[in-house]
C-alpha atoms as a PDB file:
ATOM      1  CA  MET A   1      -6.479 -10.853  30.436  1.00  0.00           C
ATOM      2  CA  GLY A   2      -7.852  -8.485  27.846  1.00  0.00           C
ATOM      3  CA  ARG A   3      -9.642  -5.245  28.615  1.00  0.00           C
ATOM      4  CA  ARG A   4     -12.478  -3.310  27.025  1.00  0.00           C
ATOM      5  CA  GLU A   5     -12.498   0.480  26.841  1.00  0.00           C
ATOM      6  CA  PHE A   6     -14.958   3.066  25.592  1.00  0.00           C
ATOM      7  CA  PHE A   7     -13.683   6.430  24.405  1.00  0.00           C
ATOM      8  CA  GLY A   8     -16.027   9.422  24.331  1.00  0.00           C
ATOM      9  CA  LEU A   9     -15.880  12.870  22.814  1.00  0.00           C
ATOM     10  CA  VAL A  10     -14.992  14.840  25.946  1.00  0.00           C
ATOM     11  CA  GLY A  11     -11.696  13.044  26.461  1.00  0.00           C
ATOM     12  CA  GLY A  12     -11.073  13.130  22.731  1.00  0.00           C
ATOM     13  CA  ALA A  13     -11.247  16.915  22.557  1.00  0.00           C
ATOM     14  CA  THR A  14      -8.442  17.206  25.075  1.00  0.00           C
ATOM     15  CA  ILE A  15      -6.315  14.717  23.171  1.00  0.00           C
ATOM     16  CA  ILE A  16      -6.812  16.610  19.915  1.00  0.00           C
ATOM     17  CA  LEU A  17      -5.134  19.659  21.441  1.00  0.00           C
ATOM     18  CA  ALA A  18      -2.389  17.665  23.104  1.00  0.00           C
ATOM     19  CA  CYS A  19      -1.520  15.665  20.000  1.00  0.00           C
ATOM     20  CA  ALA A  20      -1.626  18.368  17.328  1.00  0.00           C
ATOM     21  CA  GLY A  21       2.092  17.948  16.779  1.00  0.00           C
ATOM     22  CA  SER A  22       1.799  14.232  16.079  1.00  0.00           C
ATOM     23  CA  LEU A  23      -1.002  14.909  13.581  1.00  0.00           C
ATOM     24  CA  VAL A  24       1.212  17.234  11.550  1.00  0.00           C
ATOM     25  CA  ALA A  25       4.102  14.751  11.630  1.00  0.00           C
ATOM     26  CA  ALA A  26       1.872  11.902  10.508  1.00  0.00           C
ATOM     27  CA  ASP A  27       0.612  13.824   7.472  1.00  0.00           C
ATOM     28  CA  ALA A  28       4.067  14.669   6.112  1.00  0.00           C
ATOM     29  CA  GLY A  29       6.807  12.531   4.592  1.00  0.00           C
ATOM     30  CA  ALA A  30       8.851  11.706   1.518  1.00  0.00           C
ATOM     31  CA  GLU A  31       7.686   9.280  -1.137  1.00  0.00           C
ATOM     32  CA  PRO A  32       8.398   5.705   0.024  1.00  0.00           C
ATOM     33  CA  GLU A  33      10.769   3.263  -1.626  1.00  0.00           C
ATOM     34  CA  THR A  34       9.240   0.478  -3.730  1.00  0.00           C
ATOM     35  CA  ALA A  35      10.215  -3.072  -2.770  1.00  0.00           C
ATOM     36  CA  TYR A  36       9.483  -6.493  -4.275  1.00  0.00           C
ATOM     37  CA  PHE A  37       9.320  -9.763  -2.338  1.00  0.00           C
ATOM     38  CA  PRO A  38       7.485 -13.117  -2.473  1.00  0.00           C
ATOM     39  CA  SER A  39       4.281 -13.973  -0.668  1.00  0.00           C
ATOM     40  CA  ALA A  40       4.428 -17.053   1.530  1.00  0.00           C
ATOM     41  CA  ASP A  41       1.984 -18.614  -0.947  1.00  0.00           C
ATOM     42  CA  GLY A  42       5.069 -19.570  -2.979  1.00  0.00           C
ATOM     43  CA  ARG A  43       3.850 -18.130  -6.290  1.00  0.00           C
ATOM     44  CA  THR A  44       2.964 -14.435  -5.976  1.00  0.00           C
ATOM     45  CA  GLN A  45       5.592 -11.706  -6.268  1.00  0.00           C
ATOM     46  CA  LEU A  46       4.352  -8.801  -4.167  1.00  0.00           C
ATOM     47  CA  VAL A  47       5.034  -5.108  -4.409  1.00  0.00           C
ATOM     48  CA  GLY A  48       5.325  -3.043  -1.239  1.00  0.00           C
ATOM     49  CA  TYR A  49       6.183   0.467  -0.109  1.00  0.00           C
ATOM     50  CA  LEU A  50       8.869   1.169   2.487  1.00  0.00           C
ATOM     51  CA  PHE A  51       8.827   4.194   4.792  1.00  0.00           C
ATOM     52  CA  ALA A  52      12.239   4.465   6.465  1.00  0.00           C
ATOM     53  CA  PRO A  53      13.395   6.491   9.494  1.00  0.00           C
ATOM     54  CA  ARG A  54      16.040   9.153   8.937  1.00  0.00           C
ATOM     55  CA  THR A  55      18.375   7.548  11.455  1.00  0.00           C
ATOM     56  CA  ALA A  56      20.643   4.558  10.864  1.00  0.00           C
ATOM     57  CA  GLY A  57      19.314   1.088  11.673  1.00  0.00           C
ATOM     58  CA  PRO A  58      18.679  -1.548  12.604  1.00  0.00           C
ATOM     59  CA  HIS A  59      15.090  -0.492  13.327  1.00  0.00           C
ATOM     60  CA  PRO A  60      11.952  -2.158  14.620  1.00  0.00           C
ATOM     61  CA  ALA A  61       9.476  -2.565  11.781  1.00  0.00           C
ATOM     62  CA  VAL A  62       5.735  -2.565  11.071  1.00  0.00           C
ATOM     63  CA  VAL A  63       3.867  -4.387   8.308  1.00  0.00           C
ATOM     64  CA  MET A  64       0.752  -2.395   7.338  1.00  0.00           C
ATOM     65  CA  LEU A  65      -2.172  -4.239   5.711  1.00  0.00           C
ATOM     66  CA  HIS A  66      -4.526  -2.180   3.546  1.00  0.00           C
ATOM     67  CA  GLY A  67      -8.306  -2.599   3.479  1.00  0.00           C
ATOM     68  CA  ARG A  68     -10.661  -3.783   0.738  1.00  0.00           C
ATOM     69  CA  GLY A  69     -10.175  -0.507  -1.182  1.00  0.00           C
ATOM     70  CA  GLY A  70      -6.492  -1.310  -1.726  1.00  0.00           C
ATOM     71  CA  PRO A  71      -3.503   0.875  -0.819  1.00  0.00           C
ATOM     72  CA  TYR A  72      -4.006   3.571  -3.456  1.00  0.00           C
ATOM     73  CA  SER A  73      -5.959   6.803  -3.663  1.00  0.00           C
ATOM     74  CA  SER A  74      -9.568   6.358  -4.737  1.00  0.00           C
ATOM     75  CA  ASN A  75      -8.950   9.161  -7.253  1.00  0.00           C
ATOM     76  CA  ILE A  76      -6.775   6.916  -9.420  1.00  0.00           C
ATOM     77  CA  ASN A  77      -7.370   3.291  -8.529  1.00  0.00           C
ATOM     78  CA  GLU A  78     -10.270   2.871 -10.969  1.00  0.00           C
ATOM     79  CA  GLY A  79      -7.642   2.877 -13.706  1.00  0.00           C
ATOM     80  CA  CYS A  80      -5.404   0.415 -11.918  1.00  0.00           C
ATOM     81  CA  THR A  81      -5.517  -3.334 -12.304  1.00  0.00           C
ATOM     82  CA  LEU A  82      -2.054  -4.870 -12.456  1.00  0.00           C
ATOM     83  CA  VAL A  83       0.718  -2.973 -10.655  1.00  0.00           C
ATOM     84  CA  ALA A  84       3.766  -3.155 -12.943  1.00  0.00           C
ATOM     85  CA  LYS A  85       7.418  -3.195 -11.880  1.00  0.00           C
ATOM     86  CA  ASP A  86       8.267  -0.321 -14.214  1.00  0.00           C
ATOM     87  CA  ASN A  87       5.770   1.969 -12.416  1.00  0.00           C
ATOM     88  CA  SER A  88       3.826   2.405 -15.671  1.00  0.00           C
ATOM     89  CA  SER A  89       0.630   1.740 -13.731  1.00  0.00           C
ATOM     90  CA  PRO A  90      -1.084   4.782 -12.171  1.00  0.00           C
ATOM     91  CA  CYS A  91      -0.978   2.857  -8.906  1.00  0.00           C
ATOM     92  CA  ASN A  92       2.504   3.232  -7.435  1.00  0.00           C
ATOM     93  CA  ALA A  93       4.412   4.843  -4.559  1.00  0.00           C
ATOM     94  CA  SER A  94       3.270   8.328  -5.599  1.00  0.00           C
ATOM     95  CA  SER A  95      -0.442   7.475  -5.533  1.00  0.00           C
ATOM     96  CA  LEU A  96      -0.905   5.867  -2.118  1.00  0.00           C
ATOM     97  CA  SER A  97      -3.974   6.962  -0.189  1.00  0.00           C
ATOM     98  CA  LYS A  98      -3.575   9.749   2.369  1.00  0.00           C
ATOM     99  CA  ARG A  99      -4.225   7.340   5.226  1.00  0.00           C
ATOM    100  CA  HIS A 100      -1.498   4.898   4.242  1.00  0.00           C
ATOM    101  CA  ALA A 101       1.005   7.668   3.496  1.00  0.00           C
ATOM    102  CA  ALA A 102       0.216   9.326   6.827  1.00  0.00           C
ATOM    103  CA  TRP A 103       0.658   6.138   8.828  1.00  0.00           C
ATOM    104  CA  GLY A 104       3.855   5.256   6.976  1.00  0.00           C
ATOM    105  CA  ALA A 105       5.259   8.676   7.833  1.00  0.00           C
ATOM    106  CA  TYR A 106       4.060   8.287  11.422  1.00  0.00           C
ATOM    107  CA  TRP A 107       5.984   5.054  11.916  1.00  0.00           C
ATOM    108  CA  ALA A 108       9.109   6.417  10.223  1.00  0.00           C
ATOM    109  CA  ASP A 109       8.964   9.504  12.462  1.00  0.00           C
ATOM    110  CA  HIS A 110       8.791   7.199  15.493  1.00  0.00           C
ATOM    111  CA  GLY A 111      11.827   5.175  14.438  1.00  0.00           C
ATOM    112  CA  TYR A 112      10.126   2.231  12.706  1.00  0.00           C
ATOM    113  CA  LEU A 113      10.633   0.968   9.182  1.00  0.00           C
ATOM    114  CA  ALA A 114       7.106   0.539   7.818  1.00  0.00           C
ATOM    115  CA  LEU A 115       6.203  -1.750   4.900  1.00  0.00           C
ATOM    116  CA  LEU A 116       2.846  -1.523   3.108  1.00  0.00           C
ATOM    117  CA  PRO A 117       2.374  -4.619   0.893  1.00  0.00           C
ATOM    118  CA  ASP A 118      -0.110  -4.482  -1.974  1.00  0.00           C
ATOM    119  CA  SER A 119      -2.090  -7.742  -1.991  1.00  0.00           C
ATOM    120  CA  PHE A 120      -4.343  -6.681  -4.865  1.00  0.00           C
ATOM    121  CA  GLY A 121      -2.231  -5.164  -7.663  1.00  0.00           C
ATOM    122  CA  PRO A 122       0.016  -8.199  -8.228  1.00  0.00           C
ATOM    123  CA  ARG A 123      -3.158 -10.305  -8.604  1.00  0.00           C
ATOM    124  CA  ASN A 124      -4.744  -8.009 -11.206  1.00  0.00           C
ATOM    125  CA  LYS A 125      -7.112  -6.418  -8.679  1.00  0.00           C
ATOM    126  CA  GLY A 126      -5.314  -3.142  -8.026  1.00  0.00           C
ATOM    127  CA  HIS A 127      -8.587  -1.236  -8.385  1.00  0.00           C
ATOM    128  CA  GLY A 128      -9.720  -2.583  -5.012  1.00  0.00           C
ATOM    129  CA  PHE A 129     -13.325  -3.240  -4.024  1.00  0.00           C
ATOM    130  CA  GLY A 130     -16.262  -1.063  -3.067  1.00  0.00           C
ATOM    131  CA  ARG A 131     -18.287  -1.043   0.142  1.00  0.00           C
ATOM    132  CA  PHE A 132     -20.489  -4.057   0.913  1.00  0.00           C
ATOM    133  CA  SER A 133     -18.740  -6.169  -1.743  1.00  0.00           C
ATOM    134  CA  HIS A 134     -17.906  -9.103   0.520  1.00  0.00           C
ATOM    135  CA  ASP A 135     -20.027 -11.457  -1.605  1.00  0.00           C
ATOM    136  CA  ASP A 136     -18.184 -10.484  -4.796  1.00  0.00           C
ATOM    137  CA  PRO A 137     -16.600 -13.752  -6.039  1.00  0.00           C
ATOM    138  CA  ASP A 138     -13.723 -11.693  -7.437  1.00  0.00           C
ATOM    139  CA  ARG A 139     -12.589 -11.185  -3.849  1.00  0.00           C
ATOM    140  CA  ASP A 140     -12.012 -14.909  -3.283  1.00  0.00           C
ATOM    141  CA  ASP A 141      -8.528 -14.677  -4.805  1.00  0.00           C
ATOM    142  CA  VAL A 142      -7.509 -12.073  -2.231  1.00  0.00           C
ATOM    143  CA  ASN A 143      -9.550 -13.166   0.765  1.00  0.00           C
ATOM    144  CA  GLU A 144      -8.534 -12.353   4.335  1.00  0.00           C
ATOM    145  CA  GLN A 145      -8.678 -15.925   5.652  1.00  0.00           C
ATOM    146  CA  THR A 146      -6.454 -17.948   3.324  1.00  0.00           C
ATOM    147  CA  VAL A 147      -4.655 -15.566   0.933  1.00  0.00           C
ATOM    148  CA  ARG A 148      -3.721 -12.292   2.583  1.00  0.00           C
ATOM    149  CA  PRO A 149      -2.252 -13.871   5.758  1.00  0.00           C
ATOM    150  CA  LEU A 150       0.359 -15.470   3.494  1.00  0.00           C
ATOM    151  CA  ASP A 151       1.222 -12.024   2.114  1.00  0.00           C
ATOM    152  CA  ALA A 152       1.735 -10.728   5.652  1.00  0.00           C
ATOM    153  CA  GLU A 153       3.941 -13.689   6.439  1.00  0.00           C
ATOM    154  CA  GLY A 154       5.931 -13.086   3.253  1.00  0.00           C
ATOM    155  CA  ALA A 155       6.400  -9.460   4.295  1.00  0.00           C
ATOM    156  CA  LEU A 156       7.583 -10.627   7.724  1.00  0.00           C
ATOM    157  CA  LYS A 157      10.201 -12.916   6.192  1.00  0.00           C
ATOM    158  CA  TYR A 158      11.356 -10.166   3.845  1.00  0.00           C
ATOM    159  CA  LEU A 159      11.819  -7.698   6.700  1.00  0.00           C
ATOM    160  CA  GLN A 160      13.634 -10.288   8.792  1.00  0.00           C
ATOM    161  CA  SER A 161      16.158 -10.621   5.949  1.00  0.00           C
ATOM    162  CA  ARG A 162      16.988  -6.908   5.885  1.00  0.00           C
ATOM    163  CA  LYS A 163      20.071  -5.679   7.719  1.00  0.00           C
ATOM    164  CA  ASP A 164      18.330  -2.430   8.710  1.00  0.00           C
ATOM    165  CA  VAL A 165      15.567  -4.289  10.624  1.00  0.00           C
ATOM    166  CA  THR A 166      15.672  -5.883  14.080  1.00  0.00           C
ATOM    167  CA  PRO A 167      14.221  -9.342  13.283  1.00  0.00           C
ATOM    168  CA  ALA A 168      12.698  -9.903  16.717  1.00  0.00           C
ATOM    169  CA  LYS A 169      10.863  -6.553  16.682  1.00  0.00           C
ATOM    170  CA  ILE A 170       8.446  -6.698  13.778  1.00  0.00           C
ATOM    171  CA  PHE A 171       4.821  -5.694  14.363  1.00  0.00           C
ATOM    172  CA  LEU A 172       1.557  -5.824  12.421  1.00  0.00           C
ATOM    173  CA  GLN A 173      -1.137  -3.227  11.693  1.00  0.00           C
ATOM    174  CA  GLY A 174      -4.262  -3.526   9.565  1.00  0.00           C
ATOM    175  CA  TRP A 175      -7.388  -1.639   8.556  1.00  0.00           C
ATOM    176  CA  SER A 176     -10.837  -3.153   7.895  1.00  0.00           C
ATOM    177  CA  ASN A 177     -10.255  -6.168   5.599  1.00  0.00           C
ATOM    178  CA  GLY A 178      -6.560  -5.829   6.410  1.00  0.00           C
ATOM    179  CA  ALA A 179      -7.419  -5.710  10.108  1.00  0.00           C
ATOM    180  CA  SER A 180      -9.320  -8.987   9.790  1.00  0.00           C
ATOM    181  CA  THR A 181      -6.262 -10.334   7.994  1.00  0.00           C
ATOM    182  CA  ALA A 182      -4.070  -9.176  10.881  1.00  0.00           C
ATOM    183  CA  LEU A 183      -6.323 -10.982  13.366  1.00  0.00           C
ATOM    184  CA  ASN A 184      -6.083 -14.130  11.243  1.00  0.00           C
ATOM    185  CA  VAL A 185      -2.287 -13.858  11.089  1.00  0.00           C
ATOM    186  CA  MET A 186      -2.076 -13.626  14.872  1.00  0.00           C
ATOM    187  CA  TYR A 187      -4.477 -16.573  15.210  1.00  0.00           C
ATOM    188  CA  ARG A 188      -2.300 -18.672  12.878  1.00  0.00           C
ATOM    189  CA  GLN A 189       0.790 -17.568  14.750  1.00  0.00           C
ATOM    190  CA  ALA A 190      -0.605 -18.730  18.109  1.00  0.00           C
ATOM    191  CA  SER A 191      -0.028 -22.377  17.149  1.00  0.00           C
ATOM    192  CA  LEU A 192       3.447 -21.841  15.669  1.00  0.00           C
ATOM    193  CA  PRO A 193       6.884 -21.600  17.295  1.00  0.00           C
ATOM    194  CA  SER A 194       8.132 -18.150  18.315  1.00  0.00           C
ATOM    195  CA  GLY A 195       9.638 -15.775  15.774  1.00  0.00           C
ATOM    196  CA  GLY A 196       6.536 -14.198  14.260  1.00  0.00           C
ATOM    197  CA  PHE A 197       4.971 -10.780  14.717  1.00  0.00           C
ATOM    198  CA  ARG A 198       5.628  -9.420  18.189  1.00  0.00           C
ATOM    199  CA  ALA A 199       2.250  -7.663  18.527  1.00  0.00           C
ATOM    200  CA  ALA A 200      -0.578  -6.345  16.362  1.00  0.00           C
ATOM    201  CA  MET A 201      -3.134  -3.567  16.170  1.00  0.00           C
ATOM    202  CA  ALA A 202      -6.329  -3.862  14.138  1.00  0.00           C
ATOM    203  CA  LEU A 203      -8.573  -0.937  13.202  1.00  0.00           C
ATOM    204  CA  TYR A 204     -12.284  -1.638  12.599  1.00  0.00           C
ATOM    205  CA  PRO A 205     -11.998  -5.285  11.466  1.00  0.00           C
ATOM    206  CA  GLY A 206     -14.794  -7.559  10.446  1.00  0.00           C
ATOM    207  CA  CYS A 207     -15.071 -10.388  12.983  1.00  0.00           C
ATOM    208  CA  GLY A 208     -17.824 -12.606  11.602  1.00  0.00           C
ATOM    209  CA  PRO A 209     -17.463 -16.117  10.106  1.00  0.00           C
ATOM    210  CA  ARG A 210     -16.645 -14.750   6.638  1.00  0.00           C
ATOM    211  CA  ALA A 211     -13.851 -12.598   8.039  1.00  0.00           C
ATOM    212  CA  LEU A 212     -12.099 -14.663  10.708  1.00  0.00           C
ATOM    213  CA  ILE A 213     -10.666 -18.152  10.388  1.00  0.00           C
ATOM    214  CA  SER A 214     -12.377 -19.198  13.622  1.00  0.00           C
ATOM    215  CA  GLN A 215     -15.032 -17.777  15.910  1.00  0.00           C
ATOM    216  CA  ASN A 216     -13.186 -19.558  18.727  1.00  0.00           C
ATOM    217  CA  TYR A 217     -10.487 -16.908  18.555  1.00  0.00           C
ATOM    218  CA  LYS A 218      -7.142 -17.169  20.325  1.00  0.00           C
ATOM    219  CA  VAL A 219      -3.772 -15.428  20.277  1.00  0.00           C
ATOM    220  CA  ALA A 220      -0.458 -15.819  22.059  1.00  0.00           C
ATOM    221  CA  SER A 221       0.960 -12.330  21.369  1.00  0.00           C
ATOM    222  CA  PRO A 222      -0.574  -8.939  22.275  1.00  0.00           C
ATOM    223  CA  VAL A 223      -3.372  -7.697  20.009  1.00  0.00           C
ATOM    224  CA  THR A 224      -5.138  -4.330  20.364  1.00  0.00           C
ATOM    225  CA  VAL A 225      -8.354  -3.774  18.422  1.00  0.00           C
ATOM    226  CA  PHE A 226      -9.904  -0.359  17.759  1.00  0.00           C
ATOM    227  CA  LEU A 227     -13.626  -0.311  16.968  1.00  0.00           C
ATOM    228  CA  ALA A 228     -16.152   2.381  16.039  1.00  0.00           C
ATOM    229  CA  SER A 229     -19.592   2.350  17.670  1.00  0.00           C
ATOM    230  CA  ASP A 230     -21.246   3.857  14.558  1.00  0.00           C
ATOM    231  CA  ASP A 231     -19.379   1.703  12.036  1.00  0.00           C
ATOM    232  CA  GLU A 232     -21.523   1.443   8.922  1.00  0.00           C
ATOM    233  CA  GLU A 233     -19.574  -1.436   7.315  1.00  0.00           C
ATOM    234  CA  VAL A 234     -18.785  -3.981  10.044  1.00  0.00           C
ATOM    235  CA  SER A 235     -20.369  -4.897  13.372  1.00  0.00           C
ATOM    236  CA  SER A 236     -18.490  -3.765  16.457  1.00  0.00           C
ATOM    237  CA  ALA A 237     -20.888  -5.919  18.526  1.00  0.00           C
ATOM    238  CA  VAL A 238     -19.711  -9.081  16.748  1.00  0.00           C
ATOM    239  CA  CYS A 239     -16.083  -8.131  17.392  1.00  0.00           C
ATOM    240  CA  HIS A 240     -16.818  -7.568  21.083  1.00  0.00           C
ATOM    241  CA  ARG A 241     -18.412 -10.997  21.318  1.00  0.00           C
ATOM    242  CA  VAL A 242     -15.628 -12.883  19.548  1.00  0.00           C
ATOM    243  CA  LEU A 243     -12.625 -11.014  20.910  1.00  0.00           C
ATOM    244  CA  GLU A 244     -13.776 -10.585  24.492  1.00  0.00           C
ATOM    245  CA  SER A 245     -14.536 -14.287  24.688  1.00  0.00           C
ATOM    246  CA  ALA A 246     -10.871 -14.879  23.812  1.00  0.00           C
ATOM    247  CA  ALA A 247      -9.746 -12.251  26.305  1.00  0.00           C
ATOM    248  CA  ASN A 248     -11.833 -13.800  29.066  1.00  0.00           C
ATOM    249  CA  THR A 249      -9.936 -17.064  28.645  1.00  0.00           C
ATOM    250  CA  GLY A 250      -6.600 -15.322  29.127  1.00  0.00           C
ATOM    251  CA  GLY A 251      -5.724 -14.118  25.640  1.00  0.00           C
ATOM    252  CA  PRO A 252      -3.610 -10.920  25.510  1.00  0.00           C
ATOM    253  CA  ILE A 253      -6.324  -8.937  23.733  1.00  0.00           C
ATOM    254  CA  LYS A 254      -7.451  -5.376  24.394  1.00  0.00           C
ATOM    255  CA  VAL A 255     -10.527  -3.865  22.722  1.00  0.00           C
ATOM    256  CA  VAL A 256     -11.062  -0.091  22.488  1.00  0.00           C
ATOM    257  CA  GLU A 257     -14.328   1.293  21.139  1.00  0.00           C
ATOM    258  CA  TYR A 258     -14.802   4.941  20.101  1.00  0.00           C
ATOM    259  CA  THR A 259     -18.273   6.280  20.778  1.00  0.00           C
ATOM    260  CA  GLY A 260     -19.796   8.015  17.748  1.00  0.00           C
ATOM    261  CA  ALA A 261     -16.921   7.148  15.407  1.00  0.00           C
ATOM    262  CA  THR A 262     -17.443   5.546  11.991  1.00  0.00           C
ATOM    263  CA  HIS A 263     -15.582   3.138   9.739  1.00  0.00           C
ATOM    264  CA  ASP A 264     -12.309   4.660   8.443  1.00  0.00           C
ATOM    265  CA  PHE A 265     -12.227   7.085  11.374  1.00  0.00           C
ATOM    266  CA  ASP A 266      -8.451   7.586  10.978  1.00  0.00           C
ATOM    267  CA  ASP A 267      -8.674   8.572   7.306  1.00  0.00           C
ATOM    268  CA  PRO A 268      -7.265  12.148   7.296  1.00  0.00           C
ATOM    269  CA  GLY A 269      -9.528  13.276   4.457  1.00  0.00           C
ATOM    270  CA  GLN A 270     -12.154  15.964   5.012  1.00  0.00           C
ATOM    271  CA  LYS A 271     -15.114  13.592   4.676  1.00  0.00           C
ATOM    272  CA  ARG A 272     -14.150  11.492   7.710  1.00  0.00           C
ATOM    273  CA  GLN A 273     -12.514  14.232   9.744  1.00  0.00           C
ATOM    274  CA  SER A 274     -15.590  16.481   9.509  1.00  0.00           C
ATOM    275  CA  ILE A 275     -17.066  14.143  12.158  1.00  0.00           C
ATOM    276  CA  GLU A 276     -15.906  15.198  15.622  1.00  0.00           C
ATOM    277  CA  ALA A 277     -15.874  11.649  16.981  1.00  0.00           C
ATOM    278  CA  ASN A 278     -13.608  10.554  14.121  1.00  0.00           C
ATOM    279  CA  ARG A 279     -11.153  13.358  14.843  1.00  0.00           C
ATOM    280  CA  ALA A 280     -11.043  12.342  18.494  1.00  0.00           C
ATOM    281  CA  ALA A 281     -10.640   8.662  17.626  1.00  0.00           C
ATOM    282  CA  ARG A 282      -7.861   9.340  15.142  1.00  0.00           C
ATOM    283  CA  GLU A 283      -5.882  11.395  17.601  1.00  0.00           C
ATOM    284  CA  ASP A 284      -6.279   8.797  20.326  1.00  0.00           C
ATOM    285  CA  VAL A 285      -5.003   6.030  18.035  1.00  0.00           C
ATOM    286  CA  LEU A 286      -2.021   8.171  17.033  1.00  0.00           C
ATOM    287  CA  ARG A 287      -1.301   8.819  20.697  1.00  0.00           C
ATOM    288  CA  ARG A 288      -1.441   5.120  21.615  1.00  0.00           C
ATOM    289  CA  ALA A 289       0.075   3.414  18.560  1.00  0.00           C
ATOM    290  CA  SER A 290       3.818   3.755  19.085  1.00  0.00           C
ATOM    291  CA  GLY A 291       3.410   2.756  22.745  1.00  0.00           C
ATOM    292  CA  LEU A 292       1.695  -0.479  21.724  1.00  0.00           C
ATOM    293  CA  PHE A 293       4.816  -1.514  19.825  1.00  0.00           C
ATOM    294  CA  ALA A 294       7.373  -0.103  22.259  1.00  0.00           C
ATOM    295  CA  ASN A 295       8.407  -3.416  23.860  1.00  0.00           C
END
């Protein structure tokens, strides 16, 4: 049975002090390795970025799914369309956004091999998409219902083939559009034989009919969803309705909502972290995340 939690600012202030060490660790790390592997769509060669632990493997692993802005820093992605294999594009391992680099370092510091696939660059959309662009027809080729789940499944197969990864311990994380993708992957997986992602966490997903494959949502593996009460891009109320309905029928879903937090609350940049509720939410997610994937 799933559970619903609300997280306020008082508890968050305490966690900020207690987790200062994890915040520093998550913001540091070496440049990731670039990897190439096929999407499960059978035609797209993807590029991804690997953050590896310092210790010898095999390791558990995490596939990280970027949001509608793409995986790269907003300072450079306007000049990025196609991500080239020779790194001639400005969008490469050295220009990942602070959030993705921080989370990659976080997982590596906790003993996981983390892979961040780029769904957009290989399809000539490396520039990403702006806010409130869901109706942009250019997004159809990279949509979260039918296209990006296949990229996640391709990343899963790639990791399962690596000798430094434990095949039965591969997890899934996503943000916004990537979080909706993660929910769709776990929905697809519920009707398949075992051997998929072991568990997933989704940060501020869209949960409406344009985002999720079905409003009659179901999963067979644990899914934890983190929402923001003051989200200016997606409706946390819609996610509560869809996901808690699934939880009430026995699905292993847990929903956590952060009071006063906004979309992108875990982005370590000054704009988001100037909001106290976002700082508290980010630290709470960092505190919980590795425990969600511990089994």
